[in-house]
Amino acid sequence: MTDEATAAEAAAVARRRKVLGLVGLGVRGRLAVTGAEQVREQTRRGHVVLAIVAMDVSRHTLDKVVPLLRAKRVEIVEWPSAAELGAVVGRDATAAIGIVDRALARGIRDAIGEVSFSETDRPRDRAPDAQRRKA
């Protein structure tokens, strides 16, 4: 291997580790939901901002989750291993993880290298600050 190939591989491993670390942080902080059914339910409610879906799960599971995510226009990140995702959340394997926090989703996108500035990523109009409410 050349030095460039080794450096590229090391960067990819570091990126994967960072993404998995952010996902684990999100799960522990209740900023993410795990499992195909939870991801489906929270997507129906409009809470999922970003979904990470393992590509090695059954076709049936993918057919239940992916069309709903696409219909709701949720960005999908394909992950190669359900076991790797499961290890992050304390399970043997998990088919999908749904990120419900916009800031965490942005951090994961940045770590992956796919920064997106779609309409759904922009902060919503916030209520006036406390000083203005008193007036």
Protein backbone atom coordinates (compact mmCIF):
# COMPACT_ATOMS: atom_id res chain seq x y z
CA MET A 1 0.00 0.00 0.00
CA THR A 2 1.08 3.50 -0.66
CA ASP A 3 1.15 6.23 1.92
CA GLU A 4 -1.85 7.92 0.28
CA ALA A 5 -3.93 4.74 0.41
CA THR A 6 -2.97 4.13 4.03
CA ALA A 7 -3.85 7.73 4.94
CA ALA A 8 -7.20 7.48 3.14
CA GLU A 9 -8.02 4.23 4.91
CA ALA A 10 -7.05 5.70 8.28
CA ALA A 11 -9.27 8.73 7.61
CA ALA A 12 -12.20 6.47 6.72
CA VAL A 13 -11.76 4.46 9.92
CA ALA A 14 -11.57 7.66 11.97
CA ARG A 15 -14.75 8.96 10.29
CA ARG A 16 -16.60 5.71 11.04
CA ARG A 17 -15.45 5.79 14.66
CA LYS A 18 -16.58 9.40 15.04
CA VAL A 19 -20.00 8.68 13.52
CA LEU A 20 -20.49 5.66 15.78
CA GLY A 21 -19.40 7.72 18.79
CA LEU A 22 -21.94 10.43 17.96
CA VAL A 23 -24.68 7.85 17.48
CA GLY A 24 -23.85 6.25 20.82
CA LEU A 25 -23.93 9.65 22.49
CA GLY A 26 -27.30 10.35 20.91
CA VAL A 27 -28.77 7.08 22.11
CA ARG A 28 -27.52 7.62 25.66
CA GLY A 29 -28.88 11.18 25.60
CA ARG A 30 -32.25 10.09 24.18
CA LEU A 31 -31.62 12.04 21.01
CA ALA A 32 -32.02 8.90 18.90
CA VAL A 33 -34.30 5.88 18.68
CA THR A 34 -33.19 2.34 17.89
CA GLY A 35 -34.81 -0.50 16.03
CA ALA A 36 -36.92 -0.62 12.90
CA GLU A 37 -40.26 -0.30 14.71
CA GLN A 38 -39.20 2.69 16.82
CA VAL A 39 -37.72 4.40 13.77
CA ARG A 40 -40.97 3.82 11.84
CA GLU A 41 -43.12 5.16 14.68
CA GLN A 42 -41.03 8.29 15.23
CA THR A 43 -40.83 8.89 11.47
CA ARG A 44 -44.61 8.74 11.23
CA ARG A 45 -44.78 11.37 13.96
CA GLY A 46 -42.31 13.55 12.06
CA HIS A 47 -39.54 13.41 14.66
CA VAL A 48 -36.75 11.62 12.75
CA VAL A 49 -34.30 13.99 11.08
CA LEU A 50 -31.70 11.45 9.92
CA ALA A 51 -31.82 7.66 9.72
CA ILE A 52 -28.92 5.22 9.74
CA VAL A 53 -29.99 1.93 8.19
CA ALA A 54 -27.94 -1.29 8.17
CA MET A 55 -27.77 -2.80 4.71
CA ASP A 56 -27.19 -6.38 5.88
CA VAL A 57 -30.63 -6.86 7.45
CA SER A 58 -33.49 -8.74 5.81
CA ARG A 59 -35.14 -7.32 2.73
CA HIS A 60 -38.47 -7.42 4.60
CA THR A 61 -37.15 -5.10 7.31
CA LEU A 62 -35.72 -2.70 4.75
CA ASP A 63 -39.02 -2.71 2.86
CA LYS A 64 -40.83 -1.67 6.04
CA VAL A 65 -38.48 1.18 6.96
CA VAL A 66 -36.92 2.70 3.85
CA PRO A 67 -40.11 3.59 1.88
CA LEU A 68 -41.54 5.45 4.88
CA LEU A 69 -38.28 7.34 5.39
CA ARG A 70 -38.26 8.33 1.72
CA ALA A 71 -41.93 9.35 1.80
CA LYS A 72 -41.24 11.62 4.78
CA ARG A 73 -38.08 12.91 3.07
CA VAL A 74 -35.76 11.79 5.84
CA GLU A 75 -32.11 11.56 4.84
CA ILE A 76 -30.87 7.96 4.95
CA VAL A 77 -27.30 6.95 5.69
CA GLU A 78 -26.53 3.38 4.63
CA TRP A 79 -24.41 1.47 7.12
CA PRO A 80 -22.86 -1.87 6.17
CA SER A 81 -23.36 -3.80 9.40
CA ALA A 82 -26.32 -4.25 11.76
CA ALA A 83 -23.94 -5.82 14.29
CA GLU A 84 -21.76 -2.70 14.27
CA LEU A 85 -24.80 -0.45 14.83
CA GLY A 86 -26.09 -2.79 17.53
CA ALA A 87 -22.79 -2.72 19.39
CA VAL A 88 -23.06 1.06 19.69
CA VAL A 89 -26.50 0.85 21.32
CA GLY A 90 -25.88 -2.21 23.49
CA ARG A 91 -27.65 -4.82 21.36
CA ASP A 92 -26.49 -7.76 19.29
CA ALA A 93 -27.72 -6.04 16.15
CA THR A 94 -30.09 -3.29 15.12
CA ALA A 95 -31.55 -2.60 11.71
CA ALA A 96 -32.00 1.16 12.03
CA ILE A 97 -31.27 4.14 14.21
CA GLY A 98 -33.27 7.33 13.88
CA ILE A 99 -31.74 10.63 14.97
CA VAL A 100 -34.37 13.00 16.35
CA ASP A 101 -32.12 15.95 17.24
CA ARG A 102 -31.21 18.35 14.42
CA ALA A 103 -27.85 19.36 15.90
CA LEU A 104 -26.79 15.75 16.35
CA ALA A 105 -27.89 14.95 12.80
CA ARG A 106 -25.82 17.86 11.52
CA GLY A 107 -22.79 16.61 13.48
CA ILE A 108 -23.19 13.13 12.01
CA ARG A 109 -23.50 14.55 8.50
CA ASP A 110 -20.36 16.60 9.06
CA ALA A 111 -18.50 13.54 10.33
CA ILE A 112 -19.58 11.56 7.29
CA GLY A 113 -18.63 14.40 5.01
CA GLU A 114 -22.06 14.93 3.49
CA VAL A 115 -22.98 18.37 4.71
CA SER A 116 -26.44 19.25 3.51
CA PHE A 117 -28.22 22.57 3.74
CA SER A 118 -31.73 21.50 2.80
CA GLU A 119 -34.77 23.38 4.02
CA THR A 120 -35.31 20.91 6.86
CA ASP A 121 -31.83 21.55 8.27
CA ARG A 122 -32.38 25.25 8.81
CA PRO A 123 -33.40 26.33 12.27
CA ARG A 124 -37.08 27.08 12.64
CA ASP A 125 -38.24 30.56 13.47
CA ARG A 126 -37.96 30.83 17.20
CA ALA A 127 -40.20 32.66 19.60
CA PRO A 128 -39.05 36.15 20.52
CA ASP A 129 -36.57 36.23 23.35
CA ALA A 130 -37.71 36.76 26.94
CA GLN A 131 -36.98 40.51 26.86
CA ARG A 132 -39.28 41.06 23.92
CA ARG A 133 -42.06 38.96 25.45
CA LYS A 134 -42.22 41.20 28.52
CA ALA A 135 -42.81 44.33 26.48
